[in-house]
Amino acid sequence: VRNLSRRGPPIPDDGLSVTITANGVTLRPVDDLPLI
Protein backbone atom coordinates (compact mmCIF):
# COMPACT_ATOMS: atom_id res chain seq x y z
CA VAL A 1 0.00 0.00 0.00
CA ARG A 2 2.84 2.43 0.78
CA ASN A 3 3.96 2.22 -2.85
CA LEU A 4 0.61 3.61 -4.03
CA SER A 5 1.25 7.02 -2.50
CA ARG A 6 2.72 9.74 -4.75
CA ARG A 7 5.43 10.23 -2.17
CA GLY A 8 6.04 6.55 -1.68
CA PRO A 9 8.51 4.20 -3.33
CA PRO A 10 7.93 3.26 -6.96
CA ILE A 11 5.47 0.51 -7.72
CA PRO A 12 7.26 -2.65 -8.85
CA ASP A 13 6.99 -3.18 -12.59
CA ASP A 14 4.95 -6.33 -12.09
CA GLY A 15 2.89 -4.72 -9.33
CA LEU A 16 0.50 -3.03 -11.76
CA SER A 17 -1.03 -3.96 -15.11
CA VAL A 18 -3.57 -1.76 -16.92
CA THR A 19 -4.81 -2.54 -20.46
CA ILE A 20 -7.12 -0.17 -22.35
CA THR A 21 -8.73 -0.79 -25.73
CA ALA A 22 -10.73 2.05 -27.29
CA ASN A 23 -12.15 3.07 -30.70
CA GLY A 24 -13.30 6.43 -32.12
CA VAL A 25 -11.05 8.26 -29.67
CA THR A 26 -10.44 12.02 -29.81
CA LEU A 27 -7.42 13.29 -27.91
CA ARG A 28 -5.14 16.30 -27.70
CA PRO A 29 -1.55 15.10 -27.25
CA VAL A 30 -0.10 18.61 -26.73
CA ASP A 31 -1.80 21.84 -25.77
CA ASP A 32 -2.45 24.32 -28.62
CA LEU A 33 -2.14 21.65 -31.32
CA PRO A 34 -5.03 20.18 -33.35
CA LEU A 35 -7.02 17.24 -31.98
CA ILE A 36 -6.34 13.68 -33.13
Full PDB file with SEQRES, HELIX, SHEET, SSBOND, CRYST1, ORIGX, SCALE, CONECT and MASTER records, all heavy atoms in Angstrom:
SEQRES   1 A   36  VAL ARG ASN LEU SER ARG ARG GLY PRO PRO ILE PRO ASP          
SEQRES   2 A   36  ASP GLY LEU SER VAL THR ILE THR ALA ASN GLY VAL THR          
SEQRES   3 A   36  LEU ARG PRO VAL ASP ASP LEU PRO LEU ILE                      
HELIX    1 AA1 ARG A    2  LEU A    4  5                                   3    
HELIX    2 AA2 ASP A   13  GLY A   15  5                                   3    
CRYST1    1.000    1.000    1.000  90.00  90.00  90.00 P 1           1          
ORIGX1      1.000000  0.000000  0.000000        0.00000                         
ORIGX2      0.000000  1.000000  0.000000        0.00000                         
ORIGX3      0.000000  0.000000  1.000000        0.00000                         
SCALE1      1.000000  0.000000  0.000000        0.00000                         
SCALE2      0.000000  1.000000  0.000000        0.00000                         
SCALE3      0.000000  0.000000  1.000000        0.00000                         
ATOM      1  N   VAL A   1       0.827  -1.205   0.000  1.00  0.00           N  
ATOM      2  CA  VAL A   1       0.000   0.000   0.000  1.00  0.00           C  
ATOM      3  C   VAL A   1       0.870   1.267   0.000  1.00  0.00           C  
ATOM      4  O   VAL A   1       0.548   2.257  -0.637  1.00  0.00           O  
ATOM      5  CB  VAL A   1      -0.956  -0.012   1.215  1.00  0.00           C  
ATOM      6  CG1 VAL A   1      -1.718   1.321   1.315  1.00  0.00           C  
ATOM      7  CG2 VAL A   1      -1.917  -1.164   1.111  1.00  0.00           C  
ATOM      8  N   ARG A   2       2.011   1.220   0.712  1.00  0.00           N  
ATOM      9  CA  ARG A   2       2.843   2.429   0.782  1.00  0.00           C  
ATOM     10  C   ARG A   2       3.363   2.846  -0.594  1.00  0.00           C  
ATOM     11  O   ARG A   2       3.664   4.005  -0.840  1.00  0.00           O  
ATOM     12  CB  ARG A   2       4.008   2.210   1.745  1.00  0.00           C  
ATOM     13  CG  ARG A   2       5.039   1.200   1.282  1.00  0.00           C  
ATOM     14  CD  ARG A   2       6.184   1.098   2.288  1.00  0.00           C  
ATOM     15  NE  ARG A   2       7.232   0.186   1.842  1.00  0.00           N  
ATOM     16  CZ  ARG A   2       7.198  -1.133   1.994  1.00  0.00           C  
ATOM     17  NH1 ARG A   2       6.141  -1.704   2.603  1.00  0.00           N  
ATOM     18  NH2 ARG A   2       8.201  -1.887   1.576  1.00  0.00           N  
ATOM     19  N   ASN A   3       3.474   1.881  -1.520  1.00  0.00           N  
ATOM     20  CA  ASN A   3       3.964   2.216  -2.852  1.00  0.00           C  
ATOM     21  C   ASN A   3       2.939   2.979  -3.695  1.00  0.00           C  
ATOM     22  O   ASN A   3       3.273   3.567  -4.721  1.00  0.00           O  
ATOM     23  CB  ASN A   3       4.373   0.958  -3.612  1.00  0.00           C  
ATOM     24  CG  ASN A   3       5.633   0.317  -3.043  1.00  0.00           C  
ATOM     25  OD1 ASN A   3       5.846   0.372  -1.828  1.00  0.00           O  
ATOM     26  ND2 ASN A   3       6.448  -0.273  -3.906  1.00  0.00           N  
ATOM     27  N   LEU A   4       1.666   2.954  -3.244  1.00  0.00           N  
ATOM     28  CA  LEU A   4       0.613   3.610  -4.027  1.00  0.00           C  
ATOM     29  C   LEU A   4       0.571   5.112  -3.785  1.00  0.00           C  
ATOM     30  O   LEU A   4      -0.059   5.854  -4.526  1.00  0.00           O  
ATOM     31  CB  LEU A   4      -0.744   2.996  -3.701  1.00  0.00           C  
ATOM     32  CG  LEU A   4      -0.867   1.478  -3.970  1.00  0.00           C  
ATOM     33  CD1 LEU A   4      -2.270   0.992  -3.618  1.00  0.00           C  
ATOM     34  CD2 LEU A   4      -0.548   1.169  -5.417  1.00  0.00           C  
ATOM     35  N   SER A   5       1.215   5.590  -2.780  1.00  0.00           N  
ATOM     36  CA  SER A   5       1.249   7.023  -2.502  1.00  0.00           C  
ATOM     37  C   SER A   5       2.193   7.704  -3.486  1.00  0.00           C  
ATOM     38  O   SER A   5       3.215   7.151  -3.892  1.00  0.00           O  
ATOM     39  CB  SER A   5       1.729   7.266  -1.065  1.00  0.00           C  
ATOM     40  OG  SER A   5       2.008   8.631  -0.879  1.00  0.00           O  
ATOM     41  N   ARG A   6       1.852   8.991  -3.847  1.00  0.00           N  
ATOM     42  CA  ARG A   6       2.725   9.744  -4.747  1.00  0.00           C  
ATOM     43  C   ARG A   6       4.114   9.923  -4.151  1.00  0.00           C  
ATOM     44  O   ARG A   6       5.095  10.040  -4.872  1.00  0.00           O  
ATOM     45  CB  ARG A   6       2.116  11.113  -5.056  1.00  0.00           C  
ATOM     46  CG  ARG A   6       0.930  11.069  -6.013  1.00  0.00           C  
ATOM     47  CD  ARG A   6       0.419  12.474  -6.283  1.00  0.00           C  
ATOM     48  NE  ARG A   6      -0.674  12.472  -7.238  1.00  0.00           N  
ATOM     49  CZ  ARG A   6      -0.538  12.503  -8.546  1.00  0.00           C  
ATOM     50  NH1 ARG A   6       0.683  12.537  -9.050  1.00  0.00           N  
ATOM     51  NH2 ARG A   6      -1.582  12.497  -9.336  1.00  0.00           N  
ATOM     52  N   ARG A   7       4.164   9.997  -2.830  1.00  0.00           N  
ATOM     53  CA  ARG A   7       5.435  10.229  -2.167  1.00  0.00           C  
ATOM     54  C   ARG A   7       6.137   8.925  -1.799  1.00  0.00           C  
ATOM     55  O   ARG A   7       7.244   8.934  -1.275  1.00  0.00           O  
ATOM     56  CB  ARG A   7       5.225  11.061  -0.907  1.00  0.00           C  
ATOM     57  CG  ARG A   7       4.629  12.440  -1.205  1.00  0.00           C  
ATOM     58  CD  ARG A   7       4.413  13.222   0.097  1.00  0.00           C  
ATOM     59  NE  ARG A   7       3.825  14.527  -0.155  1.00  0.00           N  
ATOM     60  CZ  ARG A   7       4.514  15.606  -0.480  1.00  0.00           C  
ATOM     61  NH1 ARG A   7       5.822  15.540  -0.588  1.00  0.00           N  
ATOM     62  NH2 ARG A   7       3.905  16.756  -0.692  1.00  0.00           N  
ATOM     63  N   GLY A   8       5.481   7.823  -2.084  1.00  0.00           N  
ATOM     64  CA  GLY A   8       6.037   6.546  -1.678  1.00  0.00           C  
ATOM     65  C   GLY A   8       7.031   6.003  -2.679  1.00  0.00           C  
ATOM     66  O   GLY A   8       7.309   6.614  -3.718  1.00  0.00           O  
ATOM     67  N   PRO A   9       7.569   4.838  -2.405  1.00  0.00           N  
ATOM     68  CA  PRO A   9       8.506   4.197  -3.330  1.00  0.00           C  
ATOM     69  C   PRO A   9       7.797   3.835  -4.632  1.00  0.00           C  
ATOM     70  O   PRO A   9       6.567   3.721  -4.679  1.00  0.00           O  
ATOM     71  CB  PRO A   9       8.964   2.950  -2.579  1.00  0.00           C  
ATOM     72  CG  PRO A   9       8.597   3.202  -1.150  1.00  0.00           C  
ATOM     73  CD  PRO A   9       7.392   4.062  -1.164  1.00  0.00           C  
ATOM     74  N   PRO A  10       8.551   3.642  -5.695  1.00  0.00           N  
ATOM     75  CA  PRO A  10       7.925   3.261  -6.965  1.00  0.00           C  
ATOM     76  C   PRO A  10       7.222   1.914  -6.871  1.00  0.00           C  
ATOM     77  O   PRO A  10       7.655   1.024  -6.124  1.00  0.00           O  
ATOM     78  CB  PRO A  10       9.116   3.183  -7.927  1.00  0.00           C  
ATOM     79  CG  PRO A  10      10.197   3.977  -7.291  1.00  0.00           C  
ATOM     80  CD  PRO A  10      10.008   3.844  -5.816  1.00  0.00           C  
ATOM     81  N   ILE A  11       6.171   1.793  -7.637  1.00  0.00           N  
ATOM     82  CA  ILE A  11       5.468   0.510  -7.720  1.00  0.00           C  
ATOM     83  C   ILE A  11       6.351  -0.461  -8.502  1.00  0.00           C  
ATOM     84  O   ILE A  11       6.916  -0.086  -9.540  1.00  0.00           O  
ATOM     85  CB  ILE A  11       4.113   0.680  -8.422  1.00  0.00           C  
ATOM     86  CG1 ILE A  11       3.229   1.661  -7.634  1.00  0.00           C  
ATOM     87  CG2 ILE A  11       3.414  -0.665  -8.603  1.00  0.00           C  
ATOM     88  CD1 ILE A  11       1.922   1.978  -8.328  1.00  0.00           C  
ATOM     89  N   PRO A  12       6.499  -1.682  -8.059  1.00  0.00           N  
ATOM     90  CA  PRO A  12       7.264  -2.652  -8.850  1.00  0.00           C  
ATOM     91  C   PRO A  12       6.640  -2.813 -10.229  1.00  0.00           C  
ATOM     92  O   PRO A  12       5.430  -2.656 -10.405  1.00  0.00           O  
ATOM     93  CB  PRO A  12       7.178  -3.941  -8.027  1.00  0.00           C  
ATOM     94  CG  PRO A  12       6.851  -3.486  -6.646  1.00  0.00           C  
ATOM     95  CD  PRO A  12       6.035  -2.244  -6.783  1.00  0.00           C  
ATOM     96  N   ASP A  13       7.496  -3.085 -11.225  1.00  0.00           N  
ATOM     97  CA  ASP A  13       6.995  -3.175 -12.589  1.00  0.00           C  
ATOM     98  C   ASP A  13       5.883  -4.196 -12.709  1.00  0.00           C  
ATOM     99  O   ASP A  13       4.900  -3.980 -13.415  1.00  0.00           O  
ATOM    100  CB  ASP A  13       8.146  -3.527 -13.537  1.00  0.00           C  
ATOM    101  CG  ASP A  13       7.724  -3.417 -15.002  1.00  0.00           C  
ATOM    102  OD1 ASP A  13       7.180  -2.353 -15.386  1.00  0.00           O  
ATOM    103  OD2 ASP A  13       7.935  -4.367 -15.768  1.00  0.00           O  
ATOM    104  N   ASP A  14       5.992  -5.311 -11.991  1.00  0.00           N  
ATOM    105  CA  ASP A  14       4.946  -6.332 -12.086  1.00  0.00           C  
ATOM    106  C   ASP A  14       3.856  -6.136 -11.053  1.00  0.00           C  
ATOM    107  O   ASP A  14       2.991  -6.987 -10.871  1.00  0.00           O  
ATOM    108  CB  ASP A  14       5.559  -7.725 -11.945  1.00  0.00           C  
ATOM    109  CG  ASP A  14       6.301  -7.900 -10.621  1.00  0.00           C  
ATOM    110  OD1 ASP A  14       6.405  -6.889  -9.874  1.00  0.00           O  
ATOM    111  OD2 ASP A  14       6.785  -9.007 -10.345  1.00  0.00           O  
ATOM    112  N   GLY A  15       3.908  -4.992 -10.346  1.00  0.00           N  
ATOM    113  CA  GLY A  15       2.894  -4.723  -9.332  1.00  0.00           C  
ATOM    114  C   GLY A  15       1.653  -4.060  -9.900  1.00  0.00           C  
ATOM    115  O   GLY A  15       0.677  -3.844  -9.176  1.00  0.00           O  
ATOM    116  N   LEU A  16       1.655  -3.689 -11.179  1.00  0.00           N  
ATOM    117  CA  LEU A  16       0.497  -3.026 -11.765  1.00  0.00           C  
ATOM    118  C   LEU A  16       0.402  -3.412 -13.232  1.00  0.00           C  
ATOM    119  O   LEU A  16       1.410  -3.471 -13.931  1.00  0.00           O  
ATOM    120  CB  LEU A  16       0.630  -1.503 -11.644  1.00  0.00           C  
ATOM    121  CG  LEU A  16      -0.503  -0.661 -12.251  1.00  0.00           C  
ATOM    122  CD1 LEU A  16      -1.811  -0.894 -11.495  1.00  0.00           C  
ATOM    123  CD2 LEU A  16      -0.127   0.819 -12.259  1.00  0.00           C  
ATOM    124  N   SER A  17      -0.800  -3.684 -13.694  1.00  0.00           N  
ATOM    125  CA  SER A  17      -1.033  -3.962 -15.107  1.00  0.00           C  
ATOM    126  C   SER A  17      -2.384  -3.379 -15.493  1.00  0.00           C  
ATOM    127  O   SER A  17      -3.417  -3.767 -14.935  1.00  0.00           O  
ATOM    128  CB  SER A  17      -1.006  -5.480 -15.363  1.00  0.00           C  
ATOM    129  OG  SER A  17      -1.302  -5.736 -16.721  1.00  0.00           O  
ATOM    130  N   VAL A  18      -2.340  -2.380 -16.432  1.00  0.00           N  
ATOM    131  CA  VAL A  18      -3.574  -1.759 -16.924  1.00  0.00           C  
ATOM    132  C   VAL A  18      -3.580  -1.897 -18.449  1.00  0.00           C  
ATOM    133  O   VAL A  18      -2.609  -1.537 -19.116  1.00  0.00           O  
ATOM    134  CB  VAL A  18      -3.658  -0.271 -16.540  1.00  0.00           C  
ATOM    135  CG1 VAL A  18      -4.936   0.354 -17.097  1.00  0.00           C  
ATOM    136  CG2 VAL A  18      -3.581  -0.094 -15.036  1.00  0.00           C  
ATOM    137  N   THR A  19      -4.654  -2.421 -19.010  1.00  0.00           N  
ATOM    138  CA  THR A  19      -4.810  -2.538 -20.456  1.00  0.00           C  
ATOM    139  C   THR A  19      -6.087  -1.831 -20.871  1.00  0.00           C  
ATOM    140  O   THR A  19      -7.145  -2.079 -20.280  1.00  0.00           O  
ATOM    141  CB  THR A  19      -4.861  -4.007 -20.887  1.00  0.00           C  
ATOM    142  OG1 THR A  19      -3.655  -4.652 -20.462  1.00  0.00           O  
ATOM    143  CG2 THR A  19      -4.988  -4.120 -22.393  1.00  0.00           C  
ATOM    144  N   ILE A  20      -5.963  -0.934 -21.863  1.00  0.00           N  
ATOM    145  CA  ILE A  20      -7.123  -0.175 -22.346  1.00  0.00           C  
ATOM    146  C   ILE A  20      -7.243  -0.395 -23.848  1.00  0.00           C  
ATOM    147  O   ILE A  20      -6.262  -0.282 -24.583  1.00  0.00           O  
ATOM    148  CB  ILE A  20      -6.971   1.332 -22.052  1.00  0.00           C  
ATOM    149  CG1 ILE A  20      -6.810   1.578 -20.541  1.00  0.00           C  
ATOM    150  CG2 ILE A  20      -8.154   2.119 -22.609  1.00  0.00           C  
ATOM    151  CD1 ILE A  20      -6.467   3.019 -20.215  1.00  0.00           C  
ATOM    152  N   THR A  21      -8.425  -0.694 -24.306  1.00  0.00           N  
ATOM    153  CA  THR A  21      -8.730  -0.789 -25.730  1.00  0.00           C  
ATOM    154  C   THR A  21      -9.883   0.164 -26.023  1.00  0.00           C  
ATOM    155  O   THR A  21     -10.914   0.090 -25.354  1.00  0.00           O  
ATOM    156  CB  THR A  21      -9.115  -2.216 -26.132  1.00  0.00           C  
ATOM    157  OG1 THR A  21      -8.031  -3.097 -25.809  1.00  0.00           O  
ATOM    158  CG2 THR A  21      -9.411  -2.300 -27.622  1.00  0.00           C  
ATOM    159  N   ALA A  22      -9.691   1.053 -27.016  1.00  0.00           N  
ATOM    160  CA  ALA A  22     -10.734   2.047 -27.290  1.00  0.00           C  
ATOM    161  C   ALA A  22     -10.775   2.337 -28.784  1.00  0.00           C  
ATOM    162  O   ALA A  22      -9.771   2.248 -29.484  1.00  0.00           O  
ATOM    163  CB  ALA A  22     -10.463   3.339 -26.516  1.00  0.00           C  
ATOM    164  N   ASN A  23     -11.950   2.705 -29.294  1.00  0.00           N  
ATOM    165  CA  ASN A  23     -12.146   3.066 -30.699  1.00  0.00           C  
ATOM    166  C   ASN A  23     -12.849   4.418 -30.779  1.00  0.00           C  
ATOM    167  O   ASN A  23     -13.573   4.813 -29.858  1.00  0.00           O  
ATOM    168  CB  ASN A  23     -12.974   2.008 -31.426  1.00  0.00           C  
ATOM    169  CG  ASN A  23     -12.260   0.680 -31.482  1.00  0.00           C  
ATOM    170  OD1 ASN A  23     -11.154   0.585 -31.980  1.00  0.00           O  
ATOM    171  ND2 ASN A  23     -12.884  -0.361 -30.924  1.00  0.00           N  
ATOM    172  N   GLY A  24     -12.655   5.127 -31.925  1.00  0.00           N  
ATOM    173  CA  GLY A  24     -13.300   6.428 -32.118  1.00  0.00           C  
ATOM    174  C   GLY A  24     -12.839   7.466 -31.127  1.00  0.00           C  
ATOM    175  O   GLY A  24     -13.612   8.343 -30.725  1.00  0.00           O  
ATOM    176  N   VAL A  25     -11.573   7.397 -30.724  1.00  0.00           N  
ATOM    177  CA  VAL A  25     -11.053   8.262 -29.671  1.00  0.00           C  
ATOM    178  C   VAL A  25     -10.656   9.623 -30.251  1.00  0.00           C  
ATOM    179  O   VAL A  25     -10.120   9.714 -31.351  1.00  0.00           O  
ATOM    180  CB  VAL A  25      -9.828   7.609 -28.999  1.00  0.00           C  
ATOM    181  CG1 VAL A  25      -9.198   8.552 -27.981  1.00  0.00           C  
ATOM    182  CG2 VAL A  25     -10.237   6.300 -28.352  1.00  0.00           C  
ATOM    183  N   THR A  26     -10.934  10.683 -29.515  1.00  0.00           N  
ATOM    184  CA  THR A  26     -10.438  12.023 -29.807  1.00  0.00           C  
ATOM    185  C   THR A  26      -9.549  12.452 -28.659  1.00  0.00           C  
ATOM    186  O   THR A  26      -9.955  12.370 -27.496  1.00  0.00           O  
ATOM    187  CB  THR A  26     -11.590  13.022 -29.963  1.00  0.00           C  
ATOM    188  OG1 THR A  26     -12.402  12.633 -31.067  1.00  0.00           O  
ATOM    189  CG2 THR A  26     -11.059  14.427 -30.202  1.00  0.00           C  
ATOM    190  N   LEU A  27      -8.341  12.886 -28.971  1.00  0.00           N  
ATOM    191  CA  LEU A  27      -7.419  13.293 -27.906  1.00  0.00           C  
ATOM    192  C   LEU A  27      -6.556  14.449 -28.377  1.00  0.00           C  
ATOM    193  O   LEU A  27      -6.365  14.662 -29.567  1.00  0.00           O  
ATOM    194  CB  LEU A  27      -6.561  12.107 -27.463  1.00  0.00           C  
ATOM    195  CG  LEU A  27      -5.681  11.422 -28.514  1.00  0.00           C  
ATOM    196  CD1 LEU A  27      -4.290  12.019 -28.495  1.00  0.00           C  
ATOM    197  CD2 LEU A  27      -5.620   9.924 -28.281  1.00  0.00           C  
ATOM    198  N   ARG A  28      -6.043  15.187 -27.417  1.00  0.00           N  
ATOM    199  CA  ARG A  28      -5.137  16.304 -27.701  1.00  0.00           C  
ATOM    200  C   ARG A  28      -3.801  15.977 -27.043  1.00  0.00           C  
ATOM    201  O   ARG A  28      -3.652  16.103 -25.838  1.00  0.00           O  
ATOM    202  CB  ARG A  28      -5.700  17.611 -27.156  1.00  0.00           C  
ATOM    203  CG  ARG A  28      -4.867  18.844 -27.587  1.00  0.00           C  
ATOM    204  CD  ARG A  28      -5.346  20.127 -26.901  1.00  0.00           C  
ATOM    205  NE  ARG A  28      -6.718  20.444 -27.190  1.00  0.00           N  
ATOM    206  CZ  ARG A  28      -7.147  21.102 -28.274  1.00  0.00           C  
ATOM    207  NH1 ARG A  28      -6.273  21.468 -29.184  1.00  0.00           N  
ATOM    208  NH2 ARG A  28      -8.419  21.354 -28.441  1.00  0.00           N  
ATOM    209  N   PRO A  29      -2.808  15.530 -27.843  1.00  0.00           N  
ATOM    210  CA  PRO A  29      -1.546  15.100 -27.246  1.00  0.00           C  
ATOM    211  C   PRO A  29      -0.757  16.241 -26.615  1.00  0.00           C  
ATOM    212  O   PRO A  29      -0.061  16.051 -25.633  1.00  0.00           O  
ATOM    213  CB  PRO A  29      -0.795  14.495 -28.435  1.00  0.00           C  
ATOM    214  CG  PRO A  29      -1.384  15.156 -29.632  1.00  0.00           C  
ATOM    215  CD  PRO A  29      -2.808  15.402 -29.304  1.00  0.00           C  
ATOM    216  N   VAL A  30      -0.840  17.450 -27.226  1.00  0.00           N  
ATOM    217  CA  VAL A  30      -0.103  18.614 -26.726  1.00  0.00           C  
ATOM    218  C   VAL A  30      -1.030  19.815 -26.796  1.00  0.00           C  
ATOM    219  O   VAL A  30      -1.779  19.985 -27.766  1.00  0.00           O  
ATOM    220  CB  VAL A  30       1.168  18.877 -27.565  1.00  0.00           C  
ATOM    221  CG1 VAL A  30       1.931  20.080 -27.028  1.00  0.00           C  
ATOM    222  CG2 VAL A  30       2.081  17.654 -27.569  1.00  0.00           C  
ATOM    223  N   ASP A  31      -0.975  20.642 -25.760  1.00  0.00           N  
ATOM    224  CA  ASP A  31      -1.805  21.845 -25.768  1.00  0.00           C  
ATOM    225  C   ASP A  31      -1.517  22.692 -26.997  1.00  0.00           C  
ATOM    226  O   ASP A  31      -0.391  22.755 -27.495  1.00  0.00           O  
ATOM    227  CB  ASP A  31      -1.527  22.678 -24.508  1.00  0.00           C  
ATOM    228  CG  ASP A  31      -2.039  21.994 -23.251  1.00  0.00           C  
ATOM    229  OD1 ASP A  31      -2.862  21.070 -23.395  1.00  0.00           O  
ATOM    230  OD2 ASP A  31      -1.593  22.357 -22.150  1.00  0.00           O  
ATOM    231  N   ASP A  32      -2.552  23.369 -27.508  1.00  0.00           N  
ATOM    232  CA  ASP A  32      -2.450  24.319 -28.617  1.00  0.00           C  
ATOM    233  C   ASP A  32      -2.143  23.664 -29.958  1.00  0.00           C  
ATOM    234  O   ASP A  32      -1.800  24.348 -30.920  1.00  0.00           O  
ATOM    235  CB  ASP A  32      -1.393  25.395 -28.340  1.00  0.00           C  
ATOM    236  CG  ASP A  32      -1.672  26.162 -27.060  1.00  0.00           C  
ATOM    237  OD1 ASP A  32      -2.868  26.387 -26.773  1.00  0.00           O  
ATOM    238  OD2 ASP A  32      -0.706  26.519 -26.364  1.00  0.00           O  
ATOM    239  N   LEU A  33      -2.269  22.339 -30.047  1.00  0.00           N  
ATOM    240  CA  LEU A  33      -2.142  21.650 -31.323  1.00  0.00           C  
ATOM    241  C   LEU A  33      -3.478  21.013 -31.673  1.00  0.00           C  
ATOM    242  O   LEU A  33      -4.310  20.747 -30.794  1.00  0.00           O  
ATOM    243  CB  LEU A  33      -1.045  20.594 -31.272  1.00  0.00           C  
ATOM    244  CG  LEU A  33       0.392  21.110 -31.283  1.00  0.00           C  
ATOM    245  CD1 LEU A  33       1.371  19.946 -31.257  1.00  0.00           C  
ATOM    246  CD2 LEU A  33       0.671  21.986 -32.497  1.00  0.00           C  
ATOM    247  N   PRO A  34      -3.724  20.747 -32.963  1.00  0.00           N  
ATOM    248  CA  PRO A  34      -5.028  20.181 -33.350  1.00  0.00           C  
ATOM    249  C   PRO A  34      -5.294  18.826 -32.695  1.00  0.00           C  
ATOM    250  O   PRO A  34      -4.378  18.083 -32.331  1.00  0.00           O  
ATOM    251  CB  PRO A  34      -4.891  20.036 -34.879  1.00  0.00           C  
ATOM    252  CG  PRO A  34      -3.815  20.984 -35.272  1.00  0.00           C  
ATOM    253  CD  PRO A  34      -2.874  21.030 -34.130  1.00  0.00           C  
ATOM    254  N   LEU A  35      -6.591  18.514 -32.549  1.00  0.00           N  
ATOM    255  CA  LEU A  35      -7.020  17.239 -31.982  1.00  0.00           C  
ATOM    256  C   LEU A  35      -6.733  16.094 -32.945  1.00  0.00           C  
ATOM    257  O   LEU A  35      -6.806  16.248 -34.162  1.00  0.00           O  
ATOM    258  CB  LEU A  35      -8.519  17.277 -31.696  1.00  0.00           C  
ATOM    259  CG  LEU A  35      -8.988  18.270 -30.618  1.00  0.00           C  
ATOM    260  CD1 LEU A  35     -10.501  18.347 -30.618  1.00  0.00           C  
ATOM    261  CD2 LEU A  35      -8.465  17.852 -29.259  1.00  0.00           C  
ATOM    262  N   ILE A  36      -6.419  14.917 -32.359  1.00  0.00           N  
ATOM    263  CA  ILE A  36      -6.339  13.682 -33.126  1.00  0.00           C  
ATOM    264  C   ILE A  36      -7.697  12.998 -33.017  1.00  0.00           C  
ATOM    265  O   ILE A  36      -8.201  12.771 -31.916  1.00  0.00           O  
ATOM    266  CB  ILE A  36      -5.223  12.770 -32.592  1.00  0.00           C  
ATOM    267  CG1 ILE A  36      -3.860  13.451 -32.771  1.00  0.00           C  
ATOM    268  CG2 ILE A  36      -5.231  11.419 -33.298  1.00  0.00           C  
ATOM    269  CD1 ILE A  36      -2.700  12.649 -32.205  1.00  0.00           C  
TER     270      ILE A  36                                                      
MASTER        0    0    0    2    0    0    0    6  269    1    0    3          
END                                                                             
